[in-house]
Amino acid sequence: MKKLKTNKRKIHRKITAISAIPLLITIISGTIYSILQPLGVDAFWLIKWHTGNFGIINLQPFYSIFLGIASLISILSGIRLLQQNP
């Protein structure tokens, strides 16, 4: 039983780590863009990063879907881990 719980925690940590990087990019780029916009600075490249277009690599068709699914899986697996804790 303990090994199964450990495996679930490892899977949760891996999913969370994988989804954390694009989530941070999205949060930081959106925040910086919204701060710069009222100042009259047009940093359109931040919006491109925000939506998953990283220049050479364009992930826009899949980026929001990936972020949504990864976030849901992380949240649901975290909730399940909390519910199983004695």
N, C-alpha and C. Protein backbone atom coordinates (compact mmCIF):
# COMPACT_ATOMS: atom_id res chain seq x y z
N MET A 1 0.83 -1.20 0.00
CA MET A 1 0.00 0.00 0.00
C MET A 1 0.87 1.25 0.00
N LYS A 2 1.94 1.21 0.80
CA LYS A 2 2.82 2.38 0.91
C LYS A 2 3.52 2.63 -0.43
N LYS A 3 3.91 1.55 -1.14
CA LYS A 3 4.58 1.69 -2.43
C LYS A 3 3.65 2.34 -3.45
N LEU A 4 2.38 1.97 -3.44
CA LEU A 4 1.40 2.55 -4.35
C LEU A 4 1.25 4.04 -4.09
N LYS A 5 1.22 4.44 -2.83
CA LYS A 5 1.10 5.85 -2.46
C LYS A 5 2.34 6.62 -2.91
N THR A 6 3.51 5.99 -2.78
CA THR A 6 4.76 6.62 -3.20
C THR A 6 4.77 6.81 -4.71
N ASN A 7 4.30 5.82 -5.47
CA ASN A 7 4.23 5.93 -6.92
C ASN A 7 3.29 7.04 -7.35
N LYS A 8 2.16 7.16 -6.67
CA LYS A 8 1.21 8.23 -7.00
C LYS A 8 1.82 9.60 -6.74
N ARG A 9 2.56 9.71 -5.65
CA ARG A 9 3.23 10.97 -5.35
C ARG A 9 4.29 11.30 -6.39
N LYS A 10 5.03 10.31 -6.85
CA LYS A 10 6.05 10.53 -7.87
C LYS A 10 5.41 10.98 -9.18
N ILE A 11 4.33 10.34 -9.56
CA ILE A 11 3.62 10.72 -10.79
C ILE A 11 3.09 12.15 -10.67
N HIS A 12 2.51 12.48 -9.53
CA HIS A 12 1.99 13.82 -9.30
C HIS A 12 3.12 14.85 -9.39
N ARG A 13 4.26 14.57 -8.79
CA ARG A 13 5.39 15.49 -8.84
C ARG A 13 5.89 15.70 -10.26
N LYS A 14 5.96 14.63 -11.05
CA LYS A 14 6.44 14.75 -12.43
C LYS A 14 5.48 15.57 -13.27
N ILE A 15 4.18 15.31 -13.14
CA ILE A 15 3.19 16.07 -13.91
C ILE A 15 3.23 17.54 -13.51
N THR A 16 3.32 17.80 -12.23
CA THR A 16 3.35 19.17 -11.75
C THR A 16 4.61 19.89 -12.22
N ALA A 17 5.74 19.20 -12.19
CA ALA A 17 6.99 19.82 -12.66
C ALA A 17 6.95 20.12 -14.15
N ILE A 18 6.38 19.21 -14.93
CA ILE A 18 6.28 19.42 -16.37
C ILE A 18 5.35 20.59 -16.69
N SER A 19 4.25 20.70 -15.97
CA SER A 19 3.29 21.77 -16.26
C SER A 19 3.67 23.10 -15.63
N ALA A 20 4.58 23.11 -14.66
CA ALA A 20 4.94 24.35 -13.97
C ALA A 20 5.67 25.33 -14.88
N ILE A 21 6.55 24.83 -15.73
CA ILE A 21 7.34 25.72 -16.58
C ILE A 21 6.45 26.51 -17.55
N PRO A 22 5.59 25.86 -18.34
CA PRO A 22 4.74 26.66 -19.23
C PRO A 22 3.75 27.55 -18.48
N LEU A 23 3.29 27.09 -17.31
CA LEU A 23 2.40 27.93 -16.52
C LEU A 23 3.11 29.20 -16.04
N LEU A 24 4.35 29.06 -15.60
CA LEU A 24 5.12 30.22 -15.17
C LEU A 24 5.37 31.18 -16.33
N ILE A 25 5.71 30.63 -17.49
CA ILE A 25 5.91 31.48 -18.68
C ILE A 25 4.64 32.25 -18.99
N THR A 26 3.50 31.59 -18.94
CA THR A 26 2.23 32.24 -19.23
C THR A 26 1.91 33.32 -18.21
N ILE A 27 2.08 33.02 -16.95
CA ILE A 27 1.78 33.98 -15.89
C ILE A 27 2.69 35.20 -15.97
N ILE A 28 4.00 34.95 -16.09
CA ILE A 28 4.97 36.05 -16.10
C ILE A 28 4.81 36.92 -17.34
N SER A 29 4.66 36.30 -18.51
CA SER A 29 4.53 37.10 -19.74
C SER A 29 3.24 37.91 -19.74
N GLY A 30 2.15 37.34 -19.26
CA GLY A 30 0.89 38.08 -19.20
C GLY A 30 0.94 39.23 -18.20
N THR A 31 1.59 38.99 -17.08
CA THR A 31 1.70 40.03 -16.06
C THR A 31 2.57 41.18 -16.54
N ILE A 32 3.73 40.86 -17.10
CA ILE A 32 4.63 41.91 -17.59
C ILE A 32 3.97 42.70 -18.71
N TYR A 33 3.27 42.00 -19.63
CA TYR A 33 2.59 42.70 -20.72
C TYR A 33 1.52 43.67 -20.19
N SER A 34 0.76 43.22 -19.20
CA SER A 34 -0.29 44.09 -18.66
C SER A 34 0.28 45.27 -17.89
N ILE A 35 1.49 45.14 -17.36
CA ILE A 35 2.15 46.27 -16.70
C ILE A 35 2.70 47.25 -17.73
N LEU A 36 3.27 46.73 -18.82
CA LEU A 36 3.89 47.59 -19.84
C LEU A 36 2.87 48.29 -20.73
N GLN A 37 1.73 47.68 -20.97
CA GLN A 37 0.72 48.25 -21.89
C GLN A 37 0.28 49.66 -21.47
N PRO A 38 -0.11 49.92 -20.22
CA PRO A 38 -0.50 51.29 -19.86
C PRO A 38 0.65 52.30 -19.94
N LEU A 39 1.87 51.82 -19.90
CA LEU A 39 3.03 52.69 -20.01
C LEU A 39 3.35 53.04 -21.47
N GLY A 40 2.61 52.45 -22.39
CA GLY A 40 2.81 52.73 -23.81
C GLY A 40 3.87 51.87 -24.46
N VAL A 41 4.35 50.86 -23.77
CA VAL A 41 5.36 49.96 -24.32
C VAL A 41 4.65 48.81 -25.02
N ASP A 42 4.92 48.67 -26.34
CA ASP A 42 4.28 47.60 -27.09
C ASP A 42 5.25 46.41 -27.17
N ALA A 43 5.08 45.48 -26.29
CA ALA A 43 5.92 44.28 -26.26
C ALA A 43 5.09 43.11 -26.77
N PHE A 44 4.83 43.10 -28.08
CA PHE A 44 3.97 42.08 -28.66
C PHE A 44 4.57 40.68 -28.53
N TRP A 45 5.90 40.61 -28.44
CA TRP A 45 6.54 39.31 -28.29
C TRP A 45 6.13 38.63 -27.00
N LEU A 46 5.75 39.42 -25.97
CA LEU A 46 5.27 38.82 -24.73
C LEU A 46 3.95 38.10 -24.94
N ILE A 47 3.08 38.68 -25.77
CA ILE A 47 1.81 38.02 -26.08
C ILE A 47 2.06 36.73 -26.85
N LYS A 48 3.05 36.75 -27.74
CA LYS A 48 3.39 35.53 -28.46
C LYS A 48 3.84 34.44 -27.48
N TRP A 49 4.70 34.80 -26.54
CA TRP A 49 5.13 33.83 -25.52
C TRP A 49 3.94 33.37 -24.69
N HIS A 50 3.06 34.32 -24.37
CA HIS A 50 1.89 34.03 -23.54
C HIS A 50 0.99 32.97 -24.18
N THR A 51 0.96 32.96 -25.50
CA THR A 51 0.09 32.02 -26.22
C THR A 51 0.82 30.80 -26.76
N GLY A 52 2.15 30.69 -26.50
CA GLY A 52 2.87 29.50 -26.89
C GLY A 52 3.69 29.59 -28.15
N ASN A 53 3.87 30.80 -28.68
CA ASN A 53 4.70 30.98 -29.87
C ASN A 53 6.07 31.45 -29.41
N PHE A 54 7.05 30.57 -29.46
CA PHE A 54 8.38 30.87 -28.96
C PHE A 54 9.39 31.11 -30.08
N GLY A 55 8.91 31.66 -31.19
CA GLY A 55 9.80 31.95 -32.32
C GLY A 55 9.99 30.72 -33.18
N ILE A 56 11.07 30.02 -32.94
CA ILE A 56 11.38 28.82 -33.73
C ILE A 56 10.34 27.73 -33.50
N ILE A 57 9.90 27.60 -32.26
CA ILE A 57 8.91 26.58 -31.89
C ILE A 57 7.57 27.26 -31.68
N ASN A 58 6.59 26.90 -32.50
CA ASN A 58 5.26 27.48 -32.38
C ASN A 58 4.30 26.40 -31.85
N LEU A 59 3.94 26.52 -30.59
CA LEU A 59 3.05 25.54 -29.95
C LEU A 59 1.63 26.07 -29.78
N GLN A 60 1.30 27.17 -30.44
CA GLN A 60 0.00 27.81 -30.23
C GLN A 60 -1.20 26.88 -30.40
N PRO A 61 -1.22 26.00 -31.39
CA PRO A 61 -2.40 25.13 -31.52
C PRO A 61 -2.61 24.19 -30.33
N PHE A 62 -1.54 23.85 -29.61
CA PHE A 62 -1.63 22.87 -28.54
C PHE A 62 -1.40 23.45 -27.15
N TYR A 63 -0.88 24.66 -27.08
CA TYR A 63 -0.39 25.23 -25.82
C TYR A 63 -1.49 25.36 -24.77
N SER A 64 -2.60 25.97 -25.13
CA SER A 64 -3.66 26.17 -24.14
C SER A 64 -4.31 24.85 -23.76
N ILE A 65 -4.42 23.93 -24.70
CA ILE A 65 -4.97 22.61 -24.40
C ILE A 65 -4.05 21.88 -23.42
N PHE A 66 -2.74 21.93 -23.69
CA PHE A 66 -1.78 21.29 -22.79
C PHE A 66 -1.84 21.90 -21.39
N LEU A 67 -1.87 23.23 -21.32
CA LEU A 67 -1.91 23.89 -20.02
C LEU A 67 -3.17 23.50 -19.25
N GLY A 68 -4.29 23.47 -19.93
CA GLY A 68 -5.54 23.11 -19.28
C GLY A 68 -5.55 21.69 -18.77
N ILE A 69 -5.16 20.75 -19.62
CA ILE A 69 -5.16 19.34 -19.23
C ILE A 69 -4.14 19.08 -18.13
N ALA A 70 -2.94 19.64 -18.27
CA ALA A 70 -1.91 19.44 -17.24
C ALA A 70 -2.34 20.03 -15.91
N SER A 71 -2.98 21.19 -15.95
CA SER A 71 -3.46 21.82 -14.71
C SER A 71 -4.54 20.96 -14.05
N LEU A 72 -5.48 20.48 -14.84
CA LEU A 72 -6.55 19.64 -14.29
C LEU A 72 -6.00 18.35 -13.70
N ILE A 73 -5.07 17.71 -14.39
CA ILE A 73 -4.49 16.47 -13.88
C ILE A 73 -3.74 16.73 -12.58
N SER A 74 -2.97 17.83 -12.54
CA SER A 74 -2.23 18.17 -11.32
C SER A 74 -3.18 18.42 -10.15
N ILE A 75 -4.23 19.17 -10.40
CA ILE A 75 -5.19 19.48 -9.34
C ILE A 75 -5.91 18.23 -8.87
N LEU A 76 -6.40 17.44 -9.81
CA LEU A 76 -7.14 16.24 -9.44
C LEU A 76 -6.27 15.22 -8.72
N SER A 77 -5.03 15.04 -9.20
CA SER A 77 -4.16 14.08 -8.51
C SER A 77 -3.76 14.60 -7.14
N GLY A 78 -3.58 15.90 -7.00
CA GLY A 78 -3.30 16.49 -5.68
C GLY A 78 -4.45 16.31 -4.71
N ILE A 79 -5.67 16.50 -5.20
CA ILE A 79 -6.85 16.30 -4.36
C ILE A 79 -6.96 14.84 -3.92
N ARG A 80 -6.69 13.93 -4.85
CA ARG A 80 -6.75 12.49 -4.51
C ARG A 80 -5.70 12.13 -3.47
N LEU A 81 -4.50 12.73 -3.60
CA LEU A 81 -3.47 12.46 -2.60
C LEU A 81 -3.88 12.98 -1.24
N LEU A 82 -4.52 14.13 -1.20
CA LEU A 82 -4.98 14.69 0.09
C LEU A 82 -6.08 13.83 0.71
N GLN A 83 -6.97 13.31 -0.14
CA GLN A 83 -8.07 12.50 0.38
C GLN A 83 -7.56 11.18 0.94
N GLN A 84 -6.48 10.64 0.38
CA GLN A 84 -5.96 9.35 0.83
C GLN A 84 -5.08 9.47 2.06
N ASN A 85 -4.67 10.66 2.41
CA ASN A 85 -3.80 10.88 3.58
C ASN A 85 -4.60 10.58 4.85
N PRO A 86 -4.05 9.74 5.75
CA PRO A 86 -4.80 9.40 6.96
C PRO A 86 -4.83 10.55 7.94
